[in-house]
Amino acid sequence: MAISRPAHSLPVRIYSYGLAGLLTLASVAGMAGILMSMTVQEDGAALRGENRRLGALPAIPHTAEEWNSFPRRFEAFVNDHFGLRTALVRTHTDISTALLNRLPTDQVVAGKDGWLFYAGEGALGLFQRAVSLDLDRLDAWRDQLSQRATALSARGVPYAFVIAPDKHTIYGENMPGYLRQGRNPSPHDQLVATATAHGLPVVDLRPDLTAAKTDARLYMRDDTHWNERGADVAYRTLMQHLGLQPLTLDADSFAMRPNGPGDLASMALIDRLEDVPSLRPEALPCVAKEVERVADQYGRAVISRTRCDGATGKLLFFRDSFGDALLPFLTASFGEVVAVADAPSTQDFLHMVKTELPDVVIEERVERHLRFPPRAIKAAATDE
């Protein structure tokens, strides 16, 4: 007796055929991408934020060792060159972020209202006030800053050490709610207190940035850094500390322009632009022009010299990446800025002073790097 099979309904058949077609399309597209990569035979760049190169097609093995490693290397190549890889990674990231508030990296955390915050280099522990400076590091900070300030005072050169607050310090209300803050003093608090007690020229930007954020956004949502409105606040506070007159700028000196993807968005594989306030070039009395650049192996400027026609004076500026946005303001004020992307020992610091003979010296350091005092070298204090 023959067994009759139930007839599938039309919706079931449409679903089955559609699923089979989708799997076939994905397989064909994936194989096409792999075959194209095998034909081209080059290892291209990975997605922005992955910070690596895509795996290359391995050569035909000739030795036993190469044969043993060939399956692993070929699998890495296939995984990196599957035809729909980019679309699938982007889709997975978008869905995870929208539905689960989860990012594909532990270096970035998703905050409130779409804000992204840096989680690397112990930043979350700093936000939660779980990290403090021990007495040895505080003493090292005091000694090194005192040596620098004393040597520059003997030369009649004004000096300021300015701390660029991490974004979570100014916009902590946008951090994820599950991250709770303790009551311990942060390294930022400790260094400012030590500087106040010993008369050291440390500039605390937190009060002015906190007050100014009610009028404008000062940091970028998708990036670790302040925007140019935030840099303007820092610049004005610095000039006031040095007893110098800042440029005359107002809200109309800035225009909203798209920027991105920011460094945090790139790390999180989020491809979006953010409108940020940008300084109008015509708002400055002169335009900064880079006249010298010493770059490292990655093309980043280790030492740059910028000039602004019409302004007078010379600034020696030790900085990290937060100093980029300060450069146009400082160059328009001082005329010439020698910017050094380094956290120097006191010996190197004073050697640069002796070489460049600046009118003013500013040293900028991001808050999360305060855990690392300047390198101490015995000969530093006598390098006049």
Protein backbone atom coordinates (compact mmCIF):
# COMPACT_ATOMS: atom_id res chain seq x y z
CA MET A 1 0.00 0.00 0.00
CA ALA A 2 1.48 3.31 -1.06
CA ILE A 3 1.81 5.99 1.57
CA SER A 4 0.55 9.33 0.43
CA ARG A 5 2.65 12.36 1.31
CA PRO A 6 0.87 15.50 2.42
CA ALA A 7 1.07 18.31 -0.08
CA HIS A 8 2.95 21.36 1.17
CA SER A 9 1.05 24.61 1.19
CA LEU A 10 2.06 27.39 -1.16
CA PRO A 11 3.54 29.60 1.64
CA VAL A 12 5.70 26.70 2.84
CA ARG A 13 6.99 26.05 -0.66
CA ILE A 14 7.71 29.75 -1.22
CA TYR A 15 9.62 29.90 2.07
CA SER A 16 11.59 26.73 1.22
CA TYR A 17 12.50 27.90 -2.25
CA GLY A 18 13.36 31.38 -0.98
CA LEU A 19 15.61 29.99 1.76
CA ALA A 20 17.33 27.67 -0.69
CA GLY A 21 17.81 30.55 -3.11
CA LEU A 22 19.22 32.79 -0.38
CA LEU A 23 21.71 30.12 0.71
CA THR A 24 22.70 29.52 -2.90
CA LEU A 25 23.18 33.25 -3.49
CA ALA A 26 25.28 33.59 -0.34
CA SER A 27 27.43 30.62 -1.31
CA VAL A 28 27.93 31.86 -4.87
CA ALA A 29 28.77 35.39 -3.67
CA GLY A 30 31.12 34.02 -1.07
CA MET A 31 32.92 31.78 -3.54
CA ALA A 32 33.08 34.64 -6.05
CA GLY A 33 34.81 36.80 -3.49
CA ILE A 34 37.28 34.05 -2.68
CA LEU A 35 38.01 33.31 -6.36
CA MET A 36 38.47 37.01 -7.09
CA SER A 37 40.93 37.30 -4.20
CA MET A 38 42.80 34.22 -5.44
CA THR A 39 43.07 35.82 -8.89
CA VAL A 40 44.24 39.18 -7.61
CA GLN A 41 46.49 37.60 -4.97
CA GLU A 42 46.96 40.59 -2.73
CA ASP A 43 46.24 41.14 0.94
CA GLY A 44 44.08 44.23 1.17
CA ALA A 45 43.14 46.31 4.17
CA ALA A 46 40.61 44.96 6.64
CA LEU A 47 37.57 46.89 7.80
CA ARG A 48 38.32 50.28 9.33
CA GLY A 49 38.97 49.69 12.99
CA GLU A 50 40.29 46.13 12.70
CA ASN A 51 43.87 47.48 12.58
CA ARG A 52 45.27 44.62 10.51
CA ARG A 53 45.74 43.32 6.99
CA LEU A 54 43.52 40.67 5.45
CA GLY A 55 45.09 37.24 5.15
CA ALA A 56 46.89 36.57 1.85
CA LEU A 57 46.44 33.48 -0.30
CA PRO A 58 49.15 31.07 0.90
CA ALA A 59 51.67 29.84 -1.63
CA ILE A 60 51.83 26.20 -2.67
CA PRO A 61 53.63 24.33 0.14
CA HIS A 62 57.06 22.84 -0.54
CA THR A 63 58.13 21.60 2.88
CA ALA A 64 56.54 19.45 5.58
CA GLU A 65 56.29 22.44 7.87
CA GLU A 66 54.49 24.48 5.18
CA TRP A 67 52.09 21.57 4.54
CA ASN A 68 51.29 21.37 8.26
CA SER A 69 50.45 25.08 8.45
CA PHE A 70 48.72 25.29 5.06
CA PRO A 71 45.15 24.35 6.27
CA ARG A 72 45.25 27.01 8.96
CA ARG A 73 46.60 29.70 6.62
CA PHE A 74 44.12 28.81 3.87
CA GLU A 75 41.23 28.88 6.34
CA ALA A 76 42.31 32.36 7.48
CA PHE A 77 42.39 33.48 3.84
CA VAL A 78 38.88 32.10 3.16
CA ASN A 79 37.48 33.69 6.33
CA ASP A 80 38.91 37.09 5.37
CA HIS A 81 37.83 37.04 1.72
CA PHE A 82 34.35 35.53 1.84
CA GLY A 83 32.30 37.56 -0.65
CA LEU A 84 29.73 38.93 1.80
CA ARG A 85 32.11 39.38 4.72
CA THR A 86 31.93 43.17 4.93
CA ALA A 87 28.13 43.28 4.62
CA LEU A 88 27.69 40.51 7.20
CA VAL A 89 30.07 42.13 9.69
CA ARG A 90 28.35 45.50 9.28
CA THR A 91 24.89 43.97 9.62
CA HIS A 92 25.87 42.01 12.72
CA THR A 93 27.36 45.15 14.28
CA ASP A 94 24.27 47.26 13.51
CA ILE A 95 21.87 44.66 14.92
CA SER A 96 23.94 44.02 18.05
CA THR A 97 24.28 47.74 18.72
CA ALA A 98 20.61 48.57 18.08
CA LEU A 99 19.03 45.64 19.93
CA LEU A 100 21.58 44.62 22.56
CA ASN A 101 23.71 47.77 22.96
CA ARG A 102 26.68 45.45 22.44
CA LEU A 103 29.79 46.33 20.43
CA PRO A 104 32.21 43.95 18.67
CA THR A 105 35.21 45.16 20.70
CA ASP A 106 36.07 45.42 24.38
CA GLN A 107 37.98 48.66 23.70
CA VAL A 108 34.76 50.69 23.36
CA VAL A 109 31.60 50.84 25.49
CA ALA A 110 28.23 52.08 24.30
CA GLY A 111 26.91 54.86 26.50
CA LYS A 112 23.56 56.63 26.58
CA ASP A 113 22.00 58.41 23.59
CA GLY A 114 24.46 56.90 21.10
CA TRP A 115 27.62 58.08 22.89
CA LEU A 116 30.74 55.92 22.63
CA PHE A 117 33.49 55.85 25.25
CA TYR A 118 37.02 54.49 25.21
CA ALA A 119 37.51 51.45 27.45
CA GLY A 120 41.17 50.70 26.74
CA GLU A 121 44.24 51.59 28.85
CA GLY A 122 42.29 51.15 32.08
CA ALA A 123 39.87 53.98 31.24
CA LEU A 124 36.88 52.28 32.88
CA GLY A 125 38.82 51.81 36.12
CA LEU A 126 39.69 55.50 36.06
CA PHE A 127 36.03 56.42 35.57
CA GLN A 128 35.00 54.17 38.46
CA ARG A 129 37.79 55.71 40.59
CA ALA A 130 39.34 52.30 41.15
CA VAL A 131 42.82 53.57 40.20
CA SER A 132 44.99 55.96 42.22
CA LEU A 133 48.60 57.10 42.15
CA ASP A 134 50.86 55.71 44.85
CA LEU A 135 53.19 58.00 46.79
CA ASP A 136 56.20 57.11 44.63
CA ARG A 137 54.46 58.20 41.44
CA LEU A 138 53.14 61.39 43.03
CA ASP A 139 56.65 62.19 44.24
CA ALA A 140 57.99 61.54 40.72
CA TRP A 141 55.43 63.94 39.24
CA ARG A 142 56.27 66.60 41.82
CA ASP A 143 60.03 66.27 41.32
CA GLN A 144 59.97 66.26 37.50
CA LEU A 145 57.52 69.16 37.15
CA SER A 146 59.44 71.12 39.77
CA GLN A 147 62.72 70.61 37.88
CA ARG A 148 61.13 71.82 34.63
CA ALA A 149 59.41 74.82 36.20
CA THR A 150 62.56 75.86 38.09
CA ALA A 151 64.79 75.62 35.01
CA LEU A 152 62.34 77.60 32.85
CA SER A 153 61.81 80.22 35.56
CA ALA A 154 65.58 80.79 35.61
CA ARG A 155 65.38 81.50 31.88
CA GLY A 156 62.35 83.78 32.29
CA VAL A 157 60.18 81.42 30.20
CA PRO A 158 56.54 80.90 31.27
CA TYR A 159 55.53 77.23 31.59
CA ALA A 160 52.20 75.41 31.89
CA PHE A 161 51.41 71.72 32.25
CA VAL A 162 47.82 71.17 31.14
CA ILE A 163 45.75 68.00 31.60
CA ALA A 164 43.27 67.11 28.85
CA PRO A 165 40.36 65.39 30.64
CA ASP A 166 39.14 62.07 29.30
CA LYS A 167 35.67 62.31 27.76
CA HIS A 168 34.08 60.35 30.59
CA THR A 169 35.30 62.97 33.07
CA ILE A 170 33.32 65.76 31.38
CA TYR A 171 30.40 63.67 30.06
CA GLY A 172 30.14 61.02 32.76
CA GLU A 173 26.35 61.32 32.73
CA ASN A 174 26.38 59.60 29.32
CA MET A 175 28.38 56.59 30.52
CA PRO A 176 26.51 53.26 30.82
CA GLY A 177 24.36 53.09 33.93
CA TYR A 178 25.94 49.82 35.11
CA LEU A 179 29.29 51.55 35.71
CA ARG A 180 29.28 53.00 39.21
CA GLN A 181 31.74 55.57 40.50
CA GLY A 182 33.54 55.27 43.81
CA ARG A 183 34.67 58.06 46.11
CA ASN A 184 38.44 57.66 45.82
CA PRO A 185 40.44 60.57 44.35
CA SER A 186 41.41 60.07 40.71
CA PRO A 187 45.02 60.51 39.51
CA HIS A 188 43.77 63.81 38.05
CA ASP A 189 42.58 64.92 41.51
CA GLN A 190 45.81 63.78 43.14
CA LEU A 191 48.10 65.57 40.70
CA VAL A 192 46.15 68.83 40.90
CA ALA A 193 46.21 68.67 44.72
CA THR A 194 49.97 68.01 44.72
CA ALA A 195 50.57 70.86 42.26
CA THR A 196 48.52 73.26 44.38
CA ALA A 197 50.38 72.28 47.54
CA HIS A 198 53.80 72.81 45.91
CA GLY A 199 53.07 75.76 43.65
CA LEU A 200 53.49 73.85 40.38
CA PRO A 201 52.03 75.27 37.13
CA VAL A 202 49.44 72.53 36.49
CA VAL A 203 46.30 73.72 34.66
CA ASP A 204 43.02 72.00 35.57
CA LEU A 205 40.57 72.36 32.66
CA ARG A 206 37.69 70.51 34.29
CA PRO A 207 35.85 73.50 35.83
CA ASP A 208 35.82 75.54 32.62
CA LEU A 209 34.92 72.59 30.39
CA THR A 210 32.12 71.52 32.70
CA ALA A 211 30.71 75.05 32.77
CA ALA A 212 30.98 75.49 28.99
CA LYS A 213 29.29 72.21 28.02
CA THR A 214 25.90 73.71 28.83
CA ASP A 215 26.29 76.01 25.80
CA ALA A 216 27.86 73.61 23.27
CA ARG A 217 29.01 70.04 22.85
CA LEU A 218 32.74 70.01 23.56
CA TYR A 219 33.70 66.39 22.85
CA MET A 220 32.80 64.19 19.90
CA ARG A 221 30.21 61.47 20.42
CA ASP A 222 32.07 58.93 18.25
CA ASP A 223 35.65 59.88 19.14
CA THR A 224 37.88 60.01 22.21
CA HIS A 225 38.84 63.66 21.65
CA TRP A 226 37.36 67.07 22.22
CA ASN A 227 36.11 68.97 19.17
CA GLU A 228 37.29 72.46 18.28
CA ARG A 229 34.79 74.11 20.64
CA GLY A 230 36.31 72.08 23.45
CA ALA A 231 39.80 72.97 22.26
CA ASP A 232 38.79 76.64 22.28
CA VAL A 233 37.77 76.41 25.95
CA ALA A 234 41.08 74.71 26.78
CA TYR A 235 43.00 77.34 24.81
CA ARG A 236 41.33 80.24 26.63
CA THR A 237 41.97 78.68 30.03
CA LEU A 238 45.62 78.17 29.11
CA MET A 239 46.08 81.74 27.93
CA GLN A 240 44.47 83.06 31.10
CA HIS A 241 46.83 80.90 33.21
CA LEU A 242 49.82 82.28 31.27
CA GLY A 243 48.59 85.87 31.62
CA LEU A 244 48.23 86.28 27.84
CA GLN A 245 45.42 87.69 25.71
CA PRO A 246 43.46 85.03 23.76
CA LEU A 247 42.00 85.43 20.29
CA THR A 248 38.61 87.10 19.98
CA LEU A 249 36.22 84.28 19.00
CA ASP A 250 32.53 83.60 19.58
CA ALA A 251 29.91 80.99 18.66
CA ASP A 252 29.72 82.36 15.10
CA SER A 253 33.39 81.47 14.65
CA PHE A 254 32.35 77.81 14.42
CA ALA A 255 30.20 75.92 11.91
CA MET A 256 28.70 72.45 12.11
CA ARG A 257 30.39 70.06 9.68
CA PRO A 258 30.29 66.27 9.23
CA ASN A 259 33.21 64.36 10.70
CA GLY A 260 34.00 60.69 10.89
CA PRO A 261 33.98 57.95 11.41
CA GLY A 262 35.58 58.85 14.73
CA ASP A 263 38.25 56.64 16.25
CA LEU A 264 35.78 54.97 18.62
CA ALA A 265 33.25 54.34 15.84
CA SER A 266 36.03 52.85 13.72
CA MET A 267 37.10 50.52 16.51
CA ALA A 268 33.48 49.46 16.98
CA LEU A 269 33.04 48.94 13.18
CA ILE A 270 30.31 51.59 13.11
CA ASP A 271 30.27 53.51 9.83
CA ARG A 272 28.64 56.87 10.49
CA LEU A 273 29.37 60.57 10.33
CA GLU A 274 28.86 63.03 13.16
CA ASP A 275 28.17 66.75 12.86
CA VAL A 276 30.71 68.59 14.99
CA PRO A 277 31.50 72.28 15.53
CA SER A 278 34.52 73.23 13.43
CA LEU A 279 36.49 76.46 13.49
CA ARG A 280 35.92 78.68 10.46
CA PRO A 281 39.36 79.47 8.97
CA GLU A 282 38.31 83.07 8.35
CA ALA A 283 37.70 83.50 12.08
CA LEU A 284 41.44 83.43 12.74
CA PRO A 285 43.65 86.47 12.12
CA CYS A 286 46.07 84.27 10.15
CA VAL A 287 46.26 80.77 8.75
CA ALA A 288 48.65 78.25 10.28
CA LYS A 289 51.09 76.78 7.75
CA GLU A 290 53.24 73.74 8.46
CA VAL A 291 56.80 74.55 7.37
CA GLU A 292 58.60 71.52 8.82
CA ARG A 293 57.57 67.97 9.63
CA VAL A 294 59.57 65.07 11.03
CA ALA A 295 57.45 61.92 10.73
CA ASP A 296 57.73 58.44 12.20
CA GLN A 297 57.40 55.19 10.23
CA TYR A 298 53.61 55.55 10.21
CA GLY A 299 53.64 59.05 8.74
CA ARG A 300 52.62 60.72 12.01
CA ALA A 301 54.37 63.96 12.90
CA VAL A 302 56.83 63.55 15.75
CA ILE A 303 57.98 67.17 15.43
CA SER A 304 56.15 69.80 13.41
CA ARG A 305 56.80 73.51 12.99
CA THR A 306 53.88 75.75 12.08
CA ARG A 307 53.89 79.48 11.45
CA CYS A 308 51.23 82.16 11.20
CA ASP A 309 52.15 85.40 9.41
CA GLY A 310 51.43 88.50 11.45
CA ALA A 311 51.67 86.92 14.91
CA THR A 312 54.86 87.13 16.94
CA GLY A 313 56.44 84.85 19.49
CA LYS A 314 57.51 81.23 19.70
CA LEU A 315 55.86 78.37 21.57
CA LEU A 316 57.39 74.97 22.35
CA PHE A 317 54.45 72.59 22.68
CA PHE A 318 54.81 69.02 23.99
CA ARG A 319 51.57 67.21 23.25
CA ASP A 320 49.63 64.04 22.50
CA SER A 321 46.68 63.67 20.10
CA PHE A 322 44.52 66.09 22.10
CA GLY A 323 46.96 68.82 21.09
CA ASP A 324 45.99 68.56 17.41
CA ALA A 325 42.87 70.67 17.85
CA LEU A 326 44.80 73.25 19.92
CA LEU A 327 47.40 73.94 17.22
CA PRO A 328 45.40 76.44 15.07
CA PHE A 329 44.57 78.58 18.12
CA LEU A 330 48.09 78.47 19.53
CA THR A 331 49.79 79.15 16.19
CA ALA A 332 47.56 82.16 15.54
CA SER A 333 48.49 83.50 18.98
CA PHE A 334 52.23 82.82 19.01
CA GLY A 335 53.22 83.02 15.36
CA GLU A 336 55.47 79.96 15.52
CA VAL A 337 54.77 76.66 17.27
CA VAL A 338 57.23 73.79 17.54
CA ALA A 339 55.00 70.82 18.44
CA VAL A 340 56.61 67.66 19.80
CA ALA A 341 54.45 64.52 19.97
CA ASP A 342 56.15 63.06 23.01
CA ALA A 343 56.07 62.75 26.78
CA PRO A 344 59.75 63.62 27.29
CA SER A 345 62.13 63.03 30.13
CA THR A 346 63.20 66.21 31.85
CA GLN A 347 66.59 65.94 30.17
CA ASP A 348 65.03 65.78 26.69
CA PHE A 349 62.56 68.51 27.67
CA LEU A 350 65.31 70.94 28.67
CA HIS A 351 67.43 70.01 25.66
CA MET A 352 64.56 71.09 23.38
CA VAL A 353 64.23 74.34 25.35
CA LYS A 354 67.96 75.02 24.94
CA THR A 355 67.78 74.23 21.21
CA GLU A 356 64.59 76.14 20.29
CA LEU A 357 64.80 79.09 22.74
CA PRO A 358 60.99 79.49 23.00
CA ASP A 359 59.13 82.40 24.59
CA VAL A 360 56.60 80.03 26.21
CA VAL A 361 56.48 76.26 26.91
CA ILE A 362 53.25 74.27 27.21
CA GLU A 363 53.08 70.58 27.99
CA GLU A 364 49.77 68.75 27.44
CA ARG A 365 48.94 65.23 28.64
CA VAL A 366 45.67 63.30 28.43
CA GLU A 367 44.21 62.32 31.80
CA ARG A 368 44.49 58.54 31.40
CA HIS A 369 48.26 58.81 30.93
CA LEU A 370 48.83 60.51 34.29
CA ARG A 371 49.59 57.07 35.70
CA PHE A 372 52.98 57.34 34.01
CA PRO A 373 55.19 60.14 35.44
CA PRO A 374 57.91 61.68 33.24
CA ARG A 375 61.07 59.64 32.98
CA ALA A 376 63.60 60.77 35.56
CA ILE A 377 67.26 61.17 34.55
CA LYS A 378 69.78 62.42 37.09
CA ALA A 379 71.48 64.77 34.64
CA ALA A 380 68.20 66.47 33.78
CA ALA A 381 68.27 69.16 36.47
CA THR A 382 71.68 70.46 35.39
CA ASP A 383 71.00 70.54 31.64
CA GLU A 384 70.84 74.29 31.31
